[in-house]
PDB file of N, CA and C in Angstrom:
ATOM      1  N   UNK A   1      55.006 -19.019 -79.061  1.00  0.00           N
ATOM      2  CA  UNK A   1      55.177 -18.048 -77.990  1.00  0.00           C
ATOM      3  C   UNK A   1      54.313 -18.380 -76.777  1.00  0.00           C
ATOM      4  N   UNK A   2      53.328 -19.248 -76.915  1.00  0.00           N
ATOM      5  CA  UNK A   2      52.475 -19.576 -75.786  1.00  0.00           C
ATOM      6  C   UNK A   2      53.255 -20.220 -74.656  1.00  0.00           C
ATOM      7  N   UNK A   3      54.342 -20.882 -74.961  1.00  0.00           N
ATOM      8  CA  UNK A   3      55.146 -21.523 -73.923  1.00  0.00           C
ATOM      9  C   UNK A   3      55.653 -20.506 -72.914  1.00  0.00           C
ATOM     10  N   UNK A   4      56.041 -19.315 -73.372  1.00  0.00           N
ATOM     11  CA  UNK A   4      56.533 -18.296 -72.441  1.00  0.00           C
ATOM     12  C   UNK A   4      55.503 -17.972 -71.369  1.00  0.00           C
ATOM     13  N   UNK A   5      54.250 -17.786 -71.769  1.00  0.00           N
ATOM     14  CA  UNK A   5      53.207 -17.465 -70.806  1.00  0.00           C
ATOM     15  C   UNK A   5      52.945 -18.663 -69.904  1.00  0.00           C
ATOM     16  N   UNK A   6      52.972 -19.859 -70.468  1.00  0.00           N
ATOM     17  CA  UNK A   6      52.754 -21.064 -69.666  1.00  0.00           C
ATOM     18  C   UNK A   6      53.820 -21.183 -68.585  1.00  0.00           C
ATOM     19  N   UNK A   7      55.025 -20.676 -68.853  1.00  0.00           N
ATOM     20  CA  UNK A   7      56.086 -20.712 -67.855  1.00  0.00           C
ATOM     21  C   UNK A   7      55.707 -19.935 -66.595  1.00  0.00           C
ATOM     22  N   UNK A   8      54.778 -19.004 -66.705  1.00  0.00           N
ATOM     23  CA  UNK A   8      54.322 -18.224 -65.555  1.00  0.00           C
ATOM     24  C   UNK A   8      53.187 -18.919 -64.821  1.00  0.00           C
ATOM     25  N   UNK A   9      52.835 -20.135 -65.214  1.00  0.00           N
ATOM     26  CA  UNK A   9      51.788 -20.877 -64.543  1.00  0.00           C
ATOM     27  C   UNK A   9      50.397 -20.601 -65.072  1.00  0.00           C
ATOM     28  N   UNK A  10      50.279 -19.874 -66.156  1.00  0.00           N
ATOM     29  CA  UNK A  10      48.983 -19.562 -66.735  1.00  0.00           C
ATOM     30  C   UNK A  10      48.547 -20.709 -67.634  1.00  0.00           C
ATOM     31  N   UNK A  11      47.300 -21.190 -67.423  1.00  0.00           N
ATOM     32  CA  UNK A  11      46.786 -22.310 -68.213  1.00  0.00           C
ATOM     33  C   UNK A  11      45.373 -22.011 -68.692  1.00  0.00           C
ATOM     34  N   UNK A  12      45.051 -22.516 -69.861  1.00  0.00           N
ATOM     35  CA  UNK A  12      43.681 -22.422 -70.359  1.00  0.00           C
ATOM     36  C   UNK A  12      42.783 -23.142 -69.358  1.00  0.00           C
ATOM     37  N   UNK A  13      41.656 -22.536 -69.041  1.00  0.00           N
ATOM     38  CA  UNK A  13      40.713 -23.121 -68.086  1.00  0.00           C
ATOM     39  C   UNK A  13      40.850 -22.576 -66.678  1.00  0.00           C
ATOM     40  N   UNK A  14      41.957 -21.893 -66.389  1.00  0.00           N
ATOM     41  CA  UNK A  14      42.095 -21.291 -65.057  1.00  0.00           C
ATOM     42  C   UNK A  14      41.035 -20.221 -64.884  1.00  0.00           C
ATOM     43  N   UNK A  15      40.592 -20.033 -63.647  1.00  0.00           N
ATOM     44  CA  UNK A  15      39.542 -19.051 -63.361  1.00  0.00           C
ATOM     45  C   UNK A  15      40.052 -17.969 -62.410  1.00  0.00           C
ATOM     46  N   UNK A  16      39.548 -16.757 -62.657  1.00  0.00           N
ATOM     47  CA  UNK A  16      39.927 -15.592 -61.860  1.00  0.00           C
ATOM     48  C   UNK A  16      38.682 -14.782 -61.548  1.00  0.00           C
ATOM     49  N   UNK A  17      38.720 -14.073 -60.423  1.00  0.00           N
ATOM     50  CA  UNK A  17      37.628 -13.182 -60.042  1.00  0.00           C
ATOM     51  C   UNK A  17      38.149 -11.764 -59.977  1.00  0.00           C
ATOM     52  N   UNK A  18      37.368 -10.846 -60.530  1.00  0.00           N
ATOM     53  CA  UNK A  18      37.720  -9.432 -60.439  1.00  0.00           C
ATOM     54  C   UNK A  18      37.607  -8.982 -58.990  1.00  0.00           C
ATOM     55  N   UNK A  19      38.425  -8.047 -58.589  1.00  0.00           N
ATOM     56  CA  UNK A  19      38.403  -7.533 -57.223  1.00  0.00           C
ATOM     57  C   UNK A  19      37.655  -6.197 -57.185  1.00  0.00           C
ATOM     58  N   UNK A  20      36.424  -6.216 -57.728  1.00  0.00           N
ATOM     59  CA  UNK A  20      35.565  -5.025 -57.725  1.00  0.00           C
ATOM     60  C   UNK A  20      34.258  -5.378 -57.036  1.00  0.00           C
ATOM     61  N   UNK A  21      33.451  -4.365 -56.789  1.00  0.00           N
ATOM     62  CA  UNK A  21      32.174  -4.601 -56.120  1.00  0.00           C
ATOM     63  C   UNK A  21      31.302  -5.579 -56.911  1.00  0.00           C
ATOM     64  N   UNK A  22      31.160  -5.346 -58.199  1.00  0.00           N
ATOM     65  CA  UNK A  22      30.386  -6.247 -59.067  1.00  0.00           C
ATOM     66  C   UNK A  22      31.361  -7.221 -59.734  1.00  0.00           C
ATOM     67  N   UNK A  23      31.990  -8.022 -58.915  1.00  0.00           N
ATOM     68  CA  UNK A  23      33.085  -8.880 -59.377  1.00  0.00           C
ATOM     69  C   UNK A  23      32.602  -9.972 -60.325  1.00  0.00           C
ATOM     70  N   UNK A  24      33.120  -9.953 -61.516  1.00  0.00           N
ATOM     71  CA  UNK A  24      32.853 -11.012 -62.485  1.00  0.00           C
ATOM     72  C   UNK A  24      33.884 -12.113 -62.312  1.00  0.00           C
ATOM     73  N   UNK A  25      33.503 -13.301 -62.719  1.00  0.00           N
ATOM     74  CA  UNK A  25      34.441 -14.420 -62.711  1.00  0.00           C
ATOM     75  C   UNK A  25      34.762 -14.758 -64.160  1.00  0.00           C
ATOM     76  N   UNK A  26      36.042 -14.931 -64.417  1.00  0.00           N
ATOM     77  CA  UNK A  26      36.541 -15.136 -65.773  1.00  0.00           C
ATOM     78  C   UNK A  26      37.318 -16.443 -65.876  1.00  0.00           C
ATOM     79  N   UNK A  27      37.324 -17.004 -67.082  1.00  0.00           N
ATOM     80  CA  UNK A  27      38.094 -18.216 -67.354  1.00  0.00           C
ATOM     81  C   UNK A  27      39.056 -17.920 -68.502  1.00  0.00           C
ATOM     82  N   UNK A  28      40.288 -18.387 -68.365  1.00  0.00           N
ATOM     83  CA  UNK A  28      41.283 -18.205 -69.416  1.00  0.00           C
ATOM     84  C   UNK A  28      40.878 -19.057 -70.616  1.00  0.00           C
ATOM     85  N   UNK A  29      40.669 -18.374 -71.738  1.00  0.00           N
ATOM     86  CA  UNK A  29      40.275 -19.052 -72.971  1.00  0.00           C
ATOM     87  C   UNK A  29      41.494 -19.334 -73.848  1.00  0.00           C
ATOM     88  N   UNK A  30      42.418 -18.379 -73.908  1.00  0.00           N
ATOM     89  CA  UNK A  30      43.647 -18.533 -74.684  1.00  0.00           C
ATOM     90  C   UNK A  30      44.623 -17.443 -74.254  1.00  0.00           C
ATOM     91  N   UNK A  31      45.817 -17.532 -74.773  1.00  0.00           N
ATOM     92  CA  UNK A  31      46.812 -16.500 -74.520  1.00  0.00           C
ATOM     93  C   UNK A  31      47.807 -16.477 -75.662  1.00  0.00           C
ATOM     94  N   UNK A  32      48.481 -15.339 -75.801  1.00  0.00           N
ATOM     95  CA  UNK A  32      49.441 -15.175 -76.895  1.00  0.00           C
ATOM     96  C   UNK A  32      50.408 -14.051 -76.547  1.00  0.00           C
ATOM     97  N   UNK A  33      51.464 -13.975 -77.313  1.00  0.00           N
ATOM     98  CA  UNK A  33      52.428 -12.884 -77.194  1.00  0.00           C
ATOM     99  C   UNK A  33      52.377 -12.106 -78.502  1.00  0.00           C
ATOM    100  N   UNK A  34      52.187 -10.796 -78.413  1.00  0.00           N
ATOM    101  CA  UNK A  34      52.049  -9.998 -79.634  1.00  0.00           C
ATOM    102  C   UNK A  34      53.406  -9.734 -80.283  1.00  0.00           C
ATOM    103  N   UNK A  35      53.394  -8.992 -81.383  1.00  0.00           N
ATOM    104  CA  UNK A  35      54.617  -8.740 -82.155  1.00  0.00           C
ATOM    105  C   UNK A  35      55.649  -7.899 -81.407  1.00  0.00           C
ATOM    106  N   UNK A  36      55.215  -7.255 -80.325  1.00  0.00           N
ATOM    107  CA  UNK A  36      56.146  -6.470 -79.496  1.00  0.00           C
ATOM    108  C   UNK A  36      56.599  -7.246 -78.267  1.00  0.00           C
ATOM    109  N   UNK A  37      56.317  -8.547 -78.251  1.00  0.00           N
ATOM    110  CA  UNK A  37      56.698  -9.454 -77.161  1.00  0.00           C
ATOM    111  C   UNK A  37      55.938  -9.169 -75.865  1.00  0.00           C
ATOM    112  N   UNK A  38      54.720  -8.635 -75.993  1.00  0.00           N
ATOM    113  CA  UNK A  38      53.878  -8.365 -74.826  1.00  0.00           C
ATOM    114  C   UNK A  38      52.879  -9.511 -74.691  1.00  0.00           C
ATOM    115  N   UNK A  39      52.909 -10.230 -73.561  1.00  0.00           N
ATOM    116  CA  UNK A  39      51.975 -11.346 -73.380  1.00  0.00           C
ATOM    117  C   UNK A  39      50.564 -10.858 -73.047  1.00  0.00           C
ATOM    118  N   UNK A  40      49.583 -11.463 -73.693  1.00  0.00           N
ATOM    119  CA  UNK A  40      48.167 -11.150 -73.496  1.00  0.00           C
ATOM    120  C   UNK A  40      47.419 -12.404 -73.106  1.00  0.00           C
ATOM    121  N   UNK A  41      46.275 -12.216 -72.476  1.00  0.00           N
ATOM    122  CA  UNK A  41      45.413 -13.334 -72.107  1.00  0.00           C
ATOM    123  C   UNK A  41      43.981 -12.983 -72.515  1.00  0.00           C
ATOM    124  N   UNK A  42      43.295 -13.961 -73.107  1.00  0.00           N
ATOM    125  CA  UNK A  42      41.900 -13.791 -73.523  1.00  0.00           C
ATOM    126  C   UNK A  42      41.029 -14.505 -72.494  1.00  0.00           C
ATOM    127  N   UNK A  43      40.067 -13.762 -71.940  1.00  0.00           N
ATOM    128  CA  UNK A  43      39.205 -14.294 -70.892  1.00  0.00           C
ATOM    129  C   UNK A  43      37.758 -14.356 -71.360  1.00  0.00           C
ATOM    130  N   UNK A  44      37.033 -15.346 -70.838  1.00  0.00           N
ATOM    131  CA  UNK A  44      35.603 -15.514 -71.111  1.00  0.00           C
ATOM    132  C   UNK A  44      34.871 -15.438 -69.777  1.00  0.00           C
ATOM    133  N   UNK A  45      33.793 -14.652 -69.738  1.00  0.00           N
ATOM    134  CA  UNK A  45      32.971 -14.524 -68.538  1.00  0.00           C
ATOM    135  C   UNK A  45      32.316 -15.878 -68.258  1.00  0.00           C
ATOM    136  N   UNK A  46      32.438 -16.372 -67.044  1.00  0.00           N
ATOM    137  CA  UNK A  46      31.901 -17.693 -66.697  1.00  0.00           C
ATOM    138  C   UNK A  46      30.378 -17.713 -66.789  1.00  0.00           C
ATOM    139  N   UNK A  47      29.710 -16.645 -66.348  1.00  0.00           N
ATOM    140  CA  UNK A  47      28.251 -16.615 -66.364  1.00  0.00           C
ATOM    141  C   UNK A  47      27.670 -16.181 -67.710  1.00  0.00           C
ATOM    142  N   UNK A  48      28.429 -15.459 -68.495  1.00  0.00           N
ATOM    143  CA  UNK A  48      27.976 -14.990 -69.807  1.00  0.00           C
ATOM    144  C   UNK A  48      29.101 -15.226 -70.817  1.00  0.00           C
ATOM    145  N   UNK A  49      29.191 -16.445 -71.355  1.00  0.00           N
ATOM    146  CA  UNK A  49      30.290 -16.794 -72.270  1.00  0.00           C
ATOM    147  C   UNK A  49      30.383 -15.924 -73.525  1.00  0.00           C
ATOM    148  N   UNK A  50      29.334 -15.162 -73.833  1.00  0.00           N
ATOM    149  CA  UNK A  50      29.420 -14.266 -74.987  1.00  0.00           C
ATOM    150  C   UNK A  50      30.277 -13.035 -74.673  1.00  0.00           C
ATOM    151  N   UNK A  51      30.527 -12.789 -73.396  1.00  0.00           N
ATOM    152  CA  UNK A  51      31.359 -11.652 -72.969  1.00  0.00           C
ATOM    153  C   UNK A  51      32.808 -12.114 -72.887  1.00  0.00           C
ATOM    154  N   UNK A  52      33.652 -11.440 -73.656  1.00  0.00           N
ATOM    155  CA  UNK A  52      35.080 -11.785 -73.677  1.00  0.00           C
ATOM    156  C   UNK A  52      35.907 -10.508 -73.578  1.00  0.00           C
ATOM    157  N   UNK A  53      37.083 -10.630 -72.971  1.00  0.00           N
ATOM    158  CA  UNK A  53      38.019  -9.509 -72.891  1.00  0.00           C
ATOM    159  C   UNK A  53      39.426 -10.032 -73.148  1.00  0.00           C
ATOM    160  N   UNK A  54      40.288  -9.139 -73.609  1.00  0.00           N
ATOM    161  CA  UNK A  54      41.705  -9.443 -73.771  1.00  0.00           C
ATOM    162  C   UNK A  54      42.480  -8.428 -72.945  1.00  0.00           C
ATOM    163  N   UNK A  55      43.389  -8.933 -72.111  1.00  0.00           N
ATOM    164  CA  UNK A  55      44.200  -8.090 -71.228  1.00  0.00           C
ATOM    165  C   UNK A  55      45.671  -8.427 -71.386  1.00  0.00           C
ATOM    166  N   UNK A  56      46.525  -7.492 -71.027  1.00  0.00           N
ATOM    167  CA  UNK A  56      47.931  -7.859 -70.905  1.00  0.00           C
ATOM    168  C   UNK A  56      48.038  -8.780 -69.693  1.00  0.00           C
ATOM    169  N   UNK A  57      48.936  -9.742 -69.745  1.00  0.00           N
ATOM    170  CA  UNK A  57      49.060 -10.730 -68.676  1.00  0.00           C
ATOM    171  C   UNK A  57      49.321 -10.073 -67.332  1.00  0.00           C
ATOM    172  N   UNK A  58      50.094  -9.008 -67.313  1.00  0.00           N
ATOM    173  CA  UNK A  58      50.421  -8.357 -66.038  1.00  0.00           C
ATOM    174  C   UNK A  58      49.170  -7.835 -65.331  1.00  0.00           C
ATOM    175  N   UNK A  59      48.146  -7.431 -66.081  1.00  0.00           N
ATOM    176  CA  UNK A  59      46.897  -6.974 -65.455  1.00  0.00           C
ATOM    177  C   UNK A  59      46.211  -8.131 -64.739  1.00  0.00           C
ATOM    178  N   UNK A  60      46.209  -9.308 -65.357  1.00  0.00           N
ATOM    179  CA  UNK A  60      45.591 -10.475 -64.729  1.00  0.00           C
ATOM    180  C   UNK A  60      46.375 -10.919 -63.496  1.00  0.00           C
ATOM    181  N   UNK A  61      47.679 -10.743 -63.513  1.00  0.00           N
ATOM    182  CA  UNK A  61      48.525 -11.155 -62.386  1.00  0.00           C
ATOM    183  C   UNK A  61      48.523 -10.139 -61.249  1.00  0.00           C
ATOM    184  N   UNK A  62      47.961  -8.956 -61.476  1.00  0.00           N
ATOM    185  CA  UNK A  62      47.881  -7.905 -60.451  1.00  0.00           C
ATOM    186  C   UNK A  62      46.811  -8.306 -59.435  1.00  0.00           C
ATOM    187  N   UNK A  63      47.203  -8.691 -58.224  1.00  0.00           N
ATOM    188  CA  UNK A  63      46.271  -9.192 -57.206  1.00  0.00           C
ATOM    189  C   UNK A  63      45.337  -8.118 -56.664  1.00  0.00           C
ATOM    190  N   UNK A  64      45.596  -6.850 -56.960  1.00  0.00           N
ATOM    191  CA  UNK A  64      44.641  -5.821 -56.583  1.00  0.00           C
ATOM    192  C   UNK A  64      43.492  -5.748 -57.597  1.00  0.00           C
ATOM    193  N   UNK A  65      43.658  -6.405 -58.756  1.00  0.00           N
ATOM    194  CA  UNK A  65      42.622  -6.407 -59.795  1.00  0.00           C
ATOM    195  C   UNK A  65      41.926  -7.758 -59.963  1.00  0.00           C
ATOM    196  N   UNK A  66      42.681  -8.851 -59.811  1.00  0.00           N
ATOM    197  CA  UNK A  66      42.142 -10.195 -59.995  1.00  0.00           C
ATOM    198  C   UNK A  66      42.729 -11.137 -58.953  1.00  0.00           C
ATOM    199  N   UNK A  67      41.935 -12.153 -58.584  1.00  0.00           N
ATOM    200  CA  UNK A  67      42.463 -13.202 -57.727  1.00  0.00           C
ATOM    201  C   UNK A  67      42.122 -14.536 -58.367  1.00  0.00           C
ATOM    202  N   UNK A  68      43.033 -15.496 -58.274  1.00  0.00           N
ATOM    203  CA  UNK A  68      42.753 -16.816 -58.855  1.00  0.00           C
ATOM    204  C   UNK A  68      41.699 -17.546 -58.035  1.00  0.00           C
ATOM    205  N   UNK A  69      40.871 -18.303 -58.717  1.00  0.00           N
ATOM    206  CA  UNK A  69      39.860 -19.133 -58.055  1.00  0.00           C
ATOM    207  C   UNK A  69      40.320 -20.581 -58.110  1.00  0.00           C
ATOM    208  N   UNK A  70      40.101 -21.285 -57.029  1.00  0.00           N
ATOM    209  CA  UNK A  70      40.417 -22.710 -57.007  1.00  0.00           C
ATOM    210  C   UNK A  70      39.234 -23.470 -57.572  1.00  0.00           C
ATOM    211  N   UNK A  71      39.514 -24.361 -58.474  1.00  0.00           N
ATOM    212  CA  UNK A  71      38.464 -25.203 -59.036  1.00  0.00           C
ATOM    213  C   UNK A  71      38.643 -26.579 -58.447  1.00  0.00           C
ATOM    214  N   UNK A  72      37.625 -27.054 -57.768  1.00  0.00           N
ATOM    215  CA  UNK A  72      37.690 -28.365 -57.148  1.00  0.00           C
ATOM    216  C   UNK A  72      36.917 -29.367 -57.983  1.00  0.00           C
ATOM    217  N   UNK A  73      37.546 -30.449 -58.284  1.00  0.00           N
ATOM    218  CA  UNK A  73      36.909 -31.485 -59.076  1.00  0.00           C
ATOM    219  C   UNK A  73      36.143 -32.438 -58.164  1.00  0.00           C
ATOM    220  N   UNK A  74      34.942 -32.800 -58.578  1.00  0.00           N
ATOM    221  CA  UNK A  74      34.152 -33.755 -57.802  1.00  0.00           C
ATOM    222  C   UNK A  74      34.610 -35.169 -58.118  1.00  0.00           C
ATOM    223  N   UNK A  75      34.630 -35.991 -57.108  1.00  0.00           N
ATOM    224  CA  UNK A  75      34.977 -37.396 -57.310  1.00  0.00           C
ATOM    225  C   UNK A  75      33.706 -38.203 -57.497  1.00  0.00           C
ATOM    226  N   UNK A  76      33.737 -39.104 -58.445  1.00  0.00           N
ATOM    227  CA  UNK A  76      32.594 -39.995 -58.667  1.00  0.00           C
ATOM    228  C   UNK A  76      32.680 -41.133 -57.672  1.00  0.00           C
ATOM    229  N   UNK A  77      31.524 -41.533 -57.158  1.00  0.00           N
ATOM    230  CA  UNK A  77      31.507 -42.656 -56.203  1.00  0.00           C
ATOM    231  C   UNK A  77      30.712 -43.783 -56.780  1.00  0.00           C
TER     232      UNK A  77
END
């Protein structure tokens, strides 16, 4: 069932920031679809990896709640 969520562009390692005053930054750790066909995403706090949450995918895709962060890779010289 993970393929269905991947079809929406969601990938392990993607990062998102909460759109609140004390905005936490989260990284997608895993995702799954439950027995009722509801897609969920498991997030890990970037600054405190012991903090984890599971949300329905639609909550993560709600731009009033979360925004995607661009991760830029450094080039070796």
